[in-house]
N, C-alpha and C. Protein backbone atom coordinates (compact mmCIF):
# COMPACT_ATOMS: atom_id res chain seq x y z
N MET A 1 118.88 17.11 -53.60
CA MET A 1 118.77 15.97 -52.73
C MET A 1 117.29 15.60 -52.58
N GLU A 2 117.03 14.35 -52.27
CA GLU A 2 115.67 13.85 -52.12
C GLU A 2 115.32 13.72 -50.63
N TYR A 3 114.14 14.23 -50.25
CA TYR A 3 113.69 14.20 -48.86
C TYR A 3 112.34 13.49 -48.78
N THR A 4 112.21 12.62 -47.79
CA THR A 4 110.97 11.88 -47.58
C THR A 4 110.35 12.31 -46.26
N PHE A 5 109.06 12.65 -46.31
CA PHE A 5 108.33 13.11 -45.12
C PHE A 5 106.84 12.95 -45.41
N THR A 6 106.04 13.08 -44.35
CA THR A 6 104.60 12.95 -44.49
C THR A 6 103.90 14.16 -43.90
N LEU A 7 102.90 14.64 -44.62
CA LEU A 7 102.03 15.71 -44.14
C LEU A 7 100.67 15.09 -43.87
N LYS A 8 100.15 15.32 -42.65
CA LYS A 8 98.84 14.77 -42.27
C LYS A 8 97.86 15.91 -42.07
N TYR A 9 96.66 15.75 -42.65
CA TYR A 9 95.65 16.80 -42.64
C TYR A 9 94.30 16.30 -42.16
N GLN A 10 93.54 17.22 -41.57
CA GLN A 10 92.13 17.01 -41.31
C GLN A 10 91.38 17.73 -42.42
N LEU A 11 90.43 17.04 -43.03
CA LEU A 11 89.69 17.61 -44.15
C LEU A 11 88.33 18.14 -43.70
N THR A 12 87.86 19.13 -44.42
CA THR A 12 86.51 19.63 -44.18
C THR A 12 85.56 18.86 -45.10
N ASP A 13 84.28 19.08 -44.92
CA ASP A 13 83.29 18.41 -45.78
C ASP A 13 83.47 18.79 -47.24
N ALA A 14 84.01 19.98 -47.50
CA ALA A 14 84.22 20.45 -48.88
C ALA A 14 85.25 19.59 -49.62
N ASP A 15 86.13 18.91 -48.86
CA ASP A 15 87.19 18.11 -49.48
C ASP A 15 86.95 16.61 -49.35
N ARG A 16 85.72 16.19 -49.21
CA ARG A 16 85.43 14.75 -49.01
C ARG A 16 85.42 13.95 -50.32
N ASP A 17 85.38 14.64 -51.46
CA ASP A 17 85.45 13.95 -52.75
C ASP A 17 86.93 13.66 -53.02
N MET A 18 87.36 12.46 -52.65
CA MET A 18 88.78 12.12 -52.70
C MET A 18 89.35 12.12 -54.12
N GLU A 19 88.59 11.66 -55.07
CA GLU A 19 89.08 11.65 -56.45
C GLU A 19 89.38 13.07 -56.92
N ALA A 20 88.46 14.00 -56.65
CA ALA A 20 88.66 15.40 -57.04
C ALA A 20 89.84 16.00 -56.28
N LEU A 21 89.96 15.68 -54.99
CA LEU A 21 91.05 16.21 -54.18
C LEU A 21 92.40 15.72 -54.69
N VAL A 22 92.51 14.44 -54.96
CA VAL A 22 93.77 13.87 -55.47
C VAL A 22 94.13 14.50 -56.81
N GLU A 23 93.13 14.75 -57.63
CA GLU A 23 93.36 15.40 -58.92
C GLU A 23 93.89 16.82 -58.72
N ARG A 24 93.28 17.58 -57.80
CA ARG A 24 93.74 18.95 -57.50
C ARG A 24 95.16 18.93 -56.91
N LEU A 25 95.44 17.95 -56.07
CA LEU A 25 96.78 17.86 -55.49
C LEU A 25 97.83 17.63 -56.57
N GLY A 26 97.54 16.75 -57.51
CA GLY A 26 98.46 16.51 -58.62
C GLY A 26 98.68 17.76 -59.45
N ALA A 27 97.61 18.49 -59.73
CA ALA A 27 97.71 19.72 -60.53
C ALA A 27 98.47 20.81 -59.77
N ALA A 28 98.45 20.77 -58.43
CA ALA A 28 99.13 21.79 -57.62
C ALA A 28 100.60 21.46 -57.38
N GLY A 29 101.08 20.34 -57.90
CA GLY A 29 102.49 20.01 -57.76
C GLY A 29 102.79 18.89 -56.77
N CYS A 30 101.76 18.22 -56.29
CA CYS A 30 101.94 17.13 -55.32
C CYS A 30 102.01 15.77 -55.99
N ASP A 31 102.49 15.73 -57.23
CA ASP A 31 102.58 14.47 -57.95
C ASP A 31 103.74 13.61 -57.44
N ASP A 32 104.51 14.12 -56.48
CA ASP A 32 105.58 13.36 -55.86
C ASP A 32 105.17 12.82 -54.49
N ALA A 33 103.85 12.74 -54.27
CA ALA A 33 103.32 12.26 -52.99
C ALA A 33 102.39 11.07 -53.21
N LEU A 34 102.43 10.16 -52.26
CA LEU A 34 101.51 9.05 -52.22
C LEU A 34 100.41 9.44 -51.23
N ALA A 35 99.16 9.44 -51.68
CA ALA A 35 98.05 9.87 -50.84
C ALA A 35 97.46 8.68 -50.09
N GLY A 36 97.30 8.88 -48.79
CA GLY A 36 96.63 7.88 -47.95
C GLY A 36 95.32 8.45 -47.47
N ILE A 37 94.23 7.76 -47.76
CA ILE A 37 92.90 8.28 -47.44
C ILE A 37 92.10 7.26 -46.65
N GLY A 38 92.76 6.42 -45.88
CA GLY A 38 92.09 5.34 -45.17
C GLY A 38 91.16 5.78 -44.07
N GLN A 39 91.46 6.84 -43.37
CA GLN A 39 90.62 7.29 -42.26
C GLN A 39 89.70 8.41 -42.75
N PRO A 40 88.40 8.28 -42.53
CA PRO A 40 87.47 9.31 -42.99
C PRO A 40 87.82 10.69 -42.42
N GLY A 41 87.82 11.68 -43.30
CA GLY A 41 88.10 13.05 -42.88
C GLY A 41 89.57 13.36 -42.71
N ARG A 42 90.44 12.42 -43.06
CA ARG A 42 91.88 12.62 -42.91
C ARG A 42 92.57 12.37 -44.25
N LEU A 43 93.72 13.00 -44.41
CA LEU A 43 94.54 12.80 -45.60
C LEU A 43 95.99 12.78 -45.15
N ALA A 44 96.71 11.76 -45.56
CA ALA A 44 98.15 11.68 -45.32
C ALA A 44 98.85 11.66 -46.67
N LEU A 45 99.84 12.52 -46.82
CA LEU A 45 100.59 12.60 -48.08
C LEU A 45 102.05 12.30 -47.78
N GLU A 46 102.53 11.18 -48.29
CA GLU A 46 103.94 10.82 -48.12
C GLU A 46 104.71 11.32 -49.34
N PHE A 47 105.52 12.34 -49.10
CA PHE A 47 106.28 12.98 -50.17
C PHE A 47 107.68 12.39 -50.27
N THR A 48 108.17 12.31 -51.48
CA THR A 48 109.59 12.11 -51.77
C THR A 48 109.92 13.24 -52.71
N ARG A 49 110.47 14.32 -52.14
CA ARG A 49 110.60 15.58 -52.87
C ARG A 49 112.05 15.97 -53.05
N GLU A 50 112.37 16.35 -54.28
CA GLU A 50 113.68 16.91 -54.62
C GLU A 50 113.72 18.37 -54.22
N ALA A 51 114.78 18.79 -53.52
CA ALA A 51 114.93 20.18 -53.13
C ALA A 51 116.37 20.42 -52.71
N ASN A 52 116.72 21.69 -52.57
CA ASN A 52 118.07 22.04 -52.12
C ASN A 52 118.32 21.66 -50.67
N ASP A 53 117.25 21.73 -49.85
CA ASP A 53 117.37 21.34 -48.44
C ASP A 53 116.01 20.90 -47.93
N ALA A 54 115.99 20.33 -46.73
CA ALA A 54 114.75 19.78 -46.16
C ALA A 54 113.72 20.87 -45.93
N ASP A 55 114.16 22.04 -45.50
CA ASP A 55 113.24 23.13 -45.25
C ASP A 55 112.48 23.50 -46.53
N GLU A 56 113.20 23.63 -47.63
CA GLU A 56 112.57 23.95 -48.92
C GLU A 56 111.61 22.84 -49.34
N ALA A 57 112.00 21.59 -49.13
CA ALA A 57 111.15 20.46 -49.52
C ALA A 57 109.82 20.49 -48.77
N VAL A 58 109.89 20.63 -47.44
CA VAL A 58 108.67 20.61 -46.63
C VAL A 58 107.82 21.85 -46.89
N ARG A 59 108.45 23.01 -46.92
CA ARG A 59 107.67 24.24 -47.12
C ARG A 59 107.01 24.29 -48.49
N SER A 60 107.69 23.82 -49.52
CA SER A 60 107.07 23.82 -50.85
C SER A 60 105.90 22.84 -50.90
N ALA A 61 106.03 21.71 -50.22
CA ALA A 61 104.92 20.74 -50.17
C ALA A 61 103.73 21.34 -49.42
N LEU A 62 104.01 21.99 -48.29
CA LEU A 62 102.93 22.64 -47.54
C LEU A 62 102.20 23.66 -48.40
N SER A 63 102.96 24.43 -49.16
CA SER A 63 102.38 25.44 -50.03
C SER A 63 101.55 24.81 -51.14
N ASP A 64 102.06 23.73 -51.73
CA ASP A 64 101.32 23.05 -52.80
C ASP A 64 100.00 22.48 -52.29
N VAL A 65 100.02 21.89 -51.10
CA VAL A 65 98.79 21.34 -50.53
C VAL A 65 97.81 22.46 -50.22
N ARG A 66 98.31 23.57 -49.70
CA ARG A 66 97.44 24.71 -49.37
C ARG A 66 96.72 25.21 -50.62
N ARG A 67 97.42 25.24 -51.78
CA ARG A 67 96.79 25.66 -53.03
C ARG A 67 95.69 24.69 -53.45
N ALA A 68 95.93 23.40 -53.26
CA ALA A 68 94.97 22.39 -53.70
C ALA A 68 93.80 22.22 -52.74
N ALA A 69 94.07 22.39 -51.45
CA ALA A 69 93.02 22.17 -50.43
C ALA A 69 93.14 23.24 -49.36
N PRO A 70 92.72 24.47 -49.68
CA PRO A 70 92.92 25.59 -48.75
C PRO A 70 92.21 25.43 -47.40
N SER A 71 91.17 24.62 -47.34
CA SER A 71 90.46 24.47 -46.06
C SER A 71 91.00 23.31 -45.21
N ALA A 72 91.91 22.51 -45.77
CA ALA A 72 92.48 21.40 -45.01
C ALA A 72 93.34 21.96 -43.87
N ARG A 73 93.25 21.31 -42.70
CA ARG A 73 94.00 21.76 -41.53
C ARG A 73 95.15 20.80 -41.26
N LEU A 74 96.36 21.34 -41.22
CA LEU A 74 97.54 20.52 -40.96
C LEU A 74 97.46 19.94 -39.56
N ILE A 75 97.61 18.64 -39.45
CA ILE A 75 97.66 17.97 -38.15
C ILE A 75 99.11 17.87 -37.70
N GLU A 76 99.97 17.34 -38.58
CA GLU A 76 101.38 17.25 -38.23
C GLU A 76 102.23 16.93 -39.45
N VAL A 77 103.52 17.22 -39.29
CA VAL A 77 104.53 16.83 -40.27
C VAL A 77 105.32 15.72 -39.60
N THR A 78 105.56 14.64 -40.31
CA THR A 78 106.36 13.55 -39.76
C THR A 78 107.54 13.27 -40.67
N PRO A 79 108.63 12.75 -40.14
CA PRO A 79 108.79 12.17 -38.83
C PRO A 79 109.15 13.22 -37.77
N ASP A 80 108.43 13.18 -36.67
CA ASP A 80 108.74 14.05 -35.54
C ASP A 80 108.54 13.30 -34.24
N LEU A 81 107.30 13.06 -33.84
CA LEU A 81 107.03 12.37 -32.58
C LEU A 81 107.15 10.87 -32.80
N VAL A 82 108.05 10.24 -32.02
CA VAL A 82 108.36 8.82 -32.22
C VAL A 82 108.52 8.10 -30.89
N GLY A 83 108.31 6.81 -30.93
CA GLY A 83 108.61 5.93 -29.81
C GLY A 83 109.97 5.28 -30.03
N LEU A 84 110.42 4.52 -29.05
CA LEU A 84 111.73 3.85 -29.19
C LEU A 84 111.76 2.89 -30.36
N THR A 85 110.64 2.23 -30.63
CA THR A 85 110.58 1.29 -31.76
C THR A 85 110.79 2.03 -33.08
N ASP A 86 110.19 3.20 -33.20
CA ASP A 86 110.36 4.01 -34.41
C ASP A 86 111.82 4.43 -34.59
N VAL A 87 112.42 4.91 -33.50
CA VAL A 87 113.82 5.33 -33.57
C VAL A 87 114.71 4.15 -33.95
N ALA A 88 114.48 3.01 -33.31
CA ALA A 88 115.28 1.81 -33.60
C ALA A 88 115.19 1.45 -35.07
N HIS A 89 113.99 1.51 -35.63
CA HIS A 89 113.79 1.20 -37.05
C HIS A 89 114.57 2.18 -37.94
N ILE A 90 114.49 3.45 -37.62
CA ILE A 90 115.16 4.48 -38.42
C ILE A 90 116.68 4.32 -38.35
N VAL A 91 117.18 4.01 -37.16
CA VAL A 91 118.63 3.90 -36.96
C VAL A 91 119.17 2.55 -37.40
N GLY A 92 118.29 1.54 -37.45
CA GLY A 92 118.72 0.21 -37.88
C GLY A 92 119.24 -0.65 -36.74
N VAL A 93 118.65 -0.48 -35.55
CA VAL A 93 119.02 -1.31 -34.40
C VAL A 93 117.72 -1.88 -33.81
N SER A 94 117.86 -2.72 -32.81
CA SER A 94 116.67 -3.28 -32.17
C SER A 94 116.10 -2.30 -31.15
N ARG A 95 114.82 -2.49 -30.83
CA ARG A 95 114.19 -1.67 -29.81
C ARG A 95 114.90 -1.88 -28.47
N GLN A 96 115.32 -3.11 -28.21
CA GLN A 96 116.03 -3.42 -26.97
C GLN A 96 117.33 -2.63 -26.88
N ASN A 97 118.01 -2.49 -28.01
CA ASN A 97 119.25 -1.71 -28.04
C ASN A 97 118.97 -0.24 -27.70
N MET A 98 117.89 0.30 -28.26
CA MET A 98 117.53 1.69 -27.96
C MET A 98 117.17 1.84 -26.49
N ARG A 99 116.45 0.89 -25.94
CA ARG A 99 116.06 0.94 -24.53
C ARG A 99 117.30 0.88 -23.63
N LYS A 100 118.25 0.03 -23.99
CA LYS A 100 119.50 -0.06 -23.21
C LYS A 100 120.24 1.27 -23.23
N LEU A 101 120.30 1.90 -24.39
CA LEU A 101 120.95 3.21 -24.48
C LEU A 101 120.25 4.24 -23.60
N MET A 102 118.92 4.26 -23.66
CA MET A 102 118.15 5.21 -22.86
C MET A 102 118.43 4.98 -21.37
N LEU A 103 118.46 3.73 -20.94
CA LEU A 103 118.68 3.42 -19.53
C LEU A 103 120.13 3.61 -19.11
N ALA A 104 121.06 3.42 -20.03
CA ALA A 104 122.48 3.56 -19.70
C ALA A 104 122.90 5.03 -19.57
N TYR A 105 122.18 5.92 -20.19
CA TYR A 105 122.52 7.35 -20.17
C TYR A 105 121.33 8.19 -19.71
N PRO A 106 120.84 7.96 -18.50
CA PRO A 106 119.63 8.66 -18.05
C PRO A 106 119.80 10.18 -17.92
N GLY A 107 121.02 10.63 -17.73
CA GLY A 107 121.24 12.06 -17.58
C GLY A 107 121.39 12.80 -18.88
N SER A 108 121.71 12.09 -19.95
CA SER A 108 121.93 12.78 -21.22
C SER A 108 120.96 12.37 -22.33
N PHE A 109 120.33 11.20 -22.21
CA PHE A 109 119.36 10.80 -23.23
C PHE A 109 118.23 11.82 -23.22
N PRO A 110 117.77 12.26 -24.38
CA PRO A 110 116.72 13.29 -24.42
C PRO A 110 115.50 12.91 -23.59
N ALA A 111 114.93 13.89 -22.93
CA ALA A 111 113.71 13.67 -22.16
C ALA A 111 112.55 13.48 -23.13
N PRO A 112 111.64 12.59 -22.81
CA PRO A 112 110.49 12.40 -23.70
C PRO A 112 109.55 13.60 -23.66
N VAL A 113 108.80 13.78 -24.73
CA VAL A 113 107.76 14.80 -24.80
C VAL A 113 106.58 14.34 -23.94
N HIS A 114 106.35 13.04 -23.97
CA HIS A 114 105.31 12.42 -23.14
C HIS A 114 105.91 11.14 -22.57
N GLU A 115 105.72 10.96 -21.28
CA GLU A 115 106.22 9.75 -20.63
C GLU A 115 105.05 8.97 -20.08
N GLY A 116 105.00 7.71 -20.40
CA GLY A 116 103.93 6.85 -19.95
C GLY A 116 104.19 5.44 -20.42
N SER A 117 103.13 4.67 -20.53
CA SER A 117 103.32 3.29 -21.00
C SER A 117 103.89 3.29 -22.42
N ALA A 118 103.59 4.32 -23.16
CA ALA A 118 104.20 4.52 -24.48
C ALA A 118 104.76 5.94 -24.51
N SER A 119 106.05 6.06 -24.19
CA SER A 119 106.70 7.37 -24.19
C SER A 119 107.02 7.78 -25.62
N ILE A 120 107.03 9.10 -25.86
CA ILE A 120 107.38 9.60 -27.18
C ILE A 120 108.42 10.72 -27.06
N TRP A 121 109.24 10.83 -28.08
CA TRP A 121 110.30 11.83 -28.17
C TRP A 121 110.19 12.56 -29.49
N HIS A 122 110.85 13.71 -29.56
CA HIS A 122 111.05 14.35 -30.85
C HIS A 122 112.22 13.61 -31.50
N LEU A 123 112.01 13.11 -32.70
CA LEU A 123 113.03 12.34 -33.41
C LEU A 123 114.32 13.13 -33.55
N ALA A 124 114.24 14.41 -33.86
CA ALA A 124 115.45 15.21 -34.05
C ALA A 124 116.31 15.20 -32.79
N ASP A 125 115.69 15.30 -31.62
CA ASP A 125 116.45 15.30 -30.36
C ASP A 125 117.22 14.00 -30.18
N VAL A 126 116.57 12.87 -30.45
CA VAL A 126 117.21 11.57 -30.27
C VAL A 126 118.32 11.37 -31.32
N LEU A 127 118.06 11.78 -32.56
CA LEU A 127 119.09 11.62 -33.60
C LEU A 127 120.32 12.47 -33.32
N VAL A 128 120.12 13.68 -32.84
CA VAL A 128 121.26 14.54 -32.49
C VAL A 128 122.05 13.89 -31.35
N TRP A 129 121.34 13.35 -30.37
CA TRP A 129 122.00 12.68 -29.26
C TRP A 129 122.80 11.48 -29.75
N LEU A 130 122.20 10.66 -30.62
CA LEU A 130 122.90 9.50 -31.18
C LEU A 130 124.11 9.92 -32.00
N GLN A 131 123.96 11.00 -32.74
CA GLN A 131 125.06 11.52 -33.55
C GLN A 131 126.23 11.90 -32.64
N GLY A 132 125.91 12.48 -31.49
CA GLY A 132 126.93 12.85 -30.52
C GLY A 132 127.67 11.66 -29.96
N LYS A 133 127.02 10.51 -29.91
CA LYS A 133 127.67 9.28 -29.43
C LYS A 133 128.71 8.80 -30.43
N GLY A 134 128.52 9.16 -31.70
CA GLY A 134 129.51 8.86 -32.73
C GLY A 134 129.54 7.44 -33.25
N SER A 135 128.76 6.53 -32.69
CA SER A 135 128.85 5.14 -33.12
C SER A 135 127.70 4.73 -34.04
N TYR A 136 126.91 5.71 -34.47
CA TYR A 136 125.77 5.41 -35.34
C TYR A 136 125.90 6.20 -36.63
N THR A 137 125.69 5.51 -37.74
CA THR A 137 125.70 6.16 -39.04
C THR A 137 124.29 6.61 -39.35
N LEU A 138 124.11 7.92 -39.38
CA LEU A 138 122.79 8.48 -39.63
C LEU A 138 122.79 9.22 -40.95
N SER A 139 121.72 9.05 -41.69
CA SER A 139 121.56 9.75 -42.95
C SER A 139 121.26 11.22 -42.64
N LYS A 140 122.00 12.13 -43.27
CA LYS A 140 121.82 13.56 -43.03
C LYS A 140 120.40 14.01 -43.39
N ASP A 141 119.82 13.42 -44.44
CA ASP A 141 118.49 13.86 -44.85
C ASP A 141 117.42 13.55 -43.81
N ILE A 142 117.52 12.42 -43.11
CA ILE A 142 116.50 12.10 -42.10
C ILE A 142 116.60 13.05 -40.91
N LEU A 143 117.82 13.41 -40.51
CA LEU A 143 117.98 14.36 -39.41
C LEU A 143 117.47 15.74 -39.84
N ASP A 144 117.78 16.15 -41.05
CA ASP A 144 117.31 17.45 -41.55
C ASP A 144 115.79 17.51 -41.61
N VAL A 145 115.16 16.45 -42.11
CA VAL A 145 113.70 16.41 -42.20
C VAL A 145 113.09 16.40 -40.79
N ALA A 146 113.69 15.64 -39.88
CA ALA A 146 113.17 15.58 -38.51
C ALA A 146 113.25 16.96 -37.84
N ARG A 147 114.32 17.69 -38.10
CA ARG A 147 114.44 19.05 -37.54
C ARG A 147 113.36 19.98 -38.09
N VAL A 148 113.15 19.93 -39.40
CA VAL A 148 112.14 20.79 -40.03
C VAL A 148 110.75 20.38 -39.54
N ALA A 149 110.48 19.09 -39.45
CA ALA A 149 109.17 18.63 -38.97
C ALA A 149 108.91 19.15 -37.56
N LEU A 150 109.91 19.08 -36.69
CA LEU A 150 109.78 19.60 -35.33
C LEU A 150 109.48 21.10 -35.35
N GLN A 151 110.21 21.85 -36.16
CA GLN A 151 110.01 23.30 -36.24
C GLN A 151 108.60 23.64 -36.71
N VAL A 152 108.14 22.97 -37.75
CA VAL A 152 106.81 23.26 -38.30
C VAL A 152 105.73 22.88 -37.28
N ASN A 153 105.87 21.73 -36.65
CA ASN A 153 104.86 21.28 -35.68
C ASN A 153 104.80 22.20 -34.46
N VAL A 154 105.96 22.63 -33.97
CA VAL A 154 105.98 23.54 -32.82
C VAL A 154 105.40 24.90 -33.22
N ALA A 155 105.74 25.39 -34.40
CA ALA A 155 105.20 26.68 -34.86
C ALA A 155 103.68 26.58 -35.02
N LYS A 156 103.19 25.48 -35.57
CA LYS A 156 101.75 25.28 -35.75
C LYS A 156 101.05 25.29 -34.40
N GLU A 157 101.58 24.58 -33.44
CA GLU A 157 100.96 24.53 -32.12
C GLU A 157 101.06 25.88 -31.40
N GLY A 158 102.16 26.59 -31.59
CA GLY A 158 102.30 27.92 -31.01
C GLY A 158 101.26 28.87 -31.58
N TRP A 159 101.03 28.81 -32.88
CA TRP A 159 100.02 29.65 -33.52
C TRP A 159 98.63 29.31 -32.98
N ARG A 160 98.36 28.00 -32.87
CA ARG A 160 97.05 27.55 -32.37
C ARG A 160 96.84 28.02 -30.93
N LEU A 161 97.84 27.88 -30.11
CA LEU A 161 97.74 28.29 -28.71
C LEU A 161 97.54 29.80 -28.60
N GLN A 162 98.31 30.55 -29.38
CA GLN A 162 98.21 32.01 -29.35
C GLN A 162 96.80 32.45 -29.73
N HIS A 163 96.23 31.86 -30.76
CA HIS A 163 94.89 32.24 -31.20
C HIS A 163 93.82 31.76 -30.22
N SER A 164 94.04 30.65 -29.59
CA SER A 164 93.11 30.14 -28.59
C SER A 164 93.08 31.06 -27.38
N VAL A 165 94.26 31.49 -26.92
CA VAL A 165 94.36 32.39 -25.78
C VAL A 165 93.75 33.74 -26.13
N SER A 166 94.00 34.22 -27.35
CA SER A 166 93.44 35.50 -27.77
C SER A 166 91.92 35.47 -27.73
N LYS A 167 91.30 34.38 -28.21
CA LYS A 167 89.84 34.26 -28.19
C LYS A 167 89.32 34.22 -26.76
N ASP A 168 90.04 33.51 -25.87
CA ASP A 168 89.63 33.44 -24.47
C ASP A 168 89.68 34.82 -23.83
N LEU A 169 90.75 35.56 -24.08
CA LEU A 169 90.87 36.89 -23.50
C LEU A 169 89.85 37.84 -24.10
N GLU A 170 89.61 37.70 -25.40
CA GLU A 170 88.63 38.55 -26.07
C GLU A 170 87.25 38.37 -25.44
N SER A 171 86.91 37.12 -25.11
CA SER A 171 85.60 36.86 -24.52
C SER A 171 85.52 37.43 -23.10
N LEU A 172 86.66 37.54 -22.42
CA LEU A 172 86.66 38.12 -21.07
C LEU A 172 86.58 39.64 -21.08
N PHE A 173 87.27 40.25 -22.06
CA PHE A 173 87.38 41.71 -22.06
C PHE A 173 86.64 42.39 -23.20
N GLY A 174 86.31 41.62 -24.24
CA GLY A 174 85.76 42.22 -25.44
C GLY A 174 84.35 42.60 -25.32
C-alpha cells in the first residue's frame, strides 16, 4: 500500500549545502520524497512510500533520512497536529461543517491539544471520532499514517523531555 506523510527537520550548518543533501537523500533511499527547502535551516520531505503498513513506511523513511543527514533533528511527522480547516479538507467537508460537529457534540468531540484563537487537535483523535459517527468515508491509509505520526511525535517529545529533565537534575546533584 502507498502512504503519504511529511517529515520536517531542522538542519545544522553541516547540511546547508542543499544540492549535496538532496543527492545524499536520494542515494539513501529517499527518492520517493519531494524535498522542500524554502525556509533556511529547515527541510521538509513529503514521502509517498510503498510499504506493508504505515508504521513501516514512516520508520523506514526516518531511517533513510538519518543515514543521509545524521545531524538533522526531527521537528515533526505530519499529518498530526491540525486545525478544523485541515480536518475538513482531509475529510472532504467544509470548515463550517466541522465546526458544527464540534459544537454539536461538546462532550465527545476530541479535546484540542491547544485551545485558543487557532485550536489544534491530533488528527488521529478526530478521525477516530468521525469514524465512530459512521457517516464519513475515511481512507484507512490516512488514519494509519495519522496514528503513526502521533506516536512518533509523542515519543520524540517524551525523549526530549526526559533528557532535558536529566540534564537539569544532573546540574543540581552532579
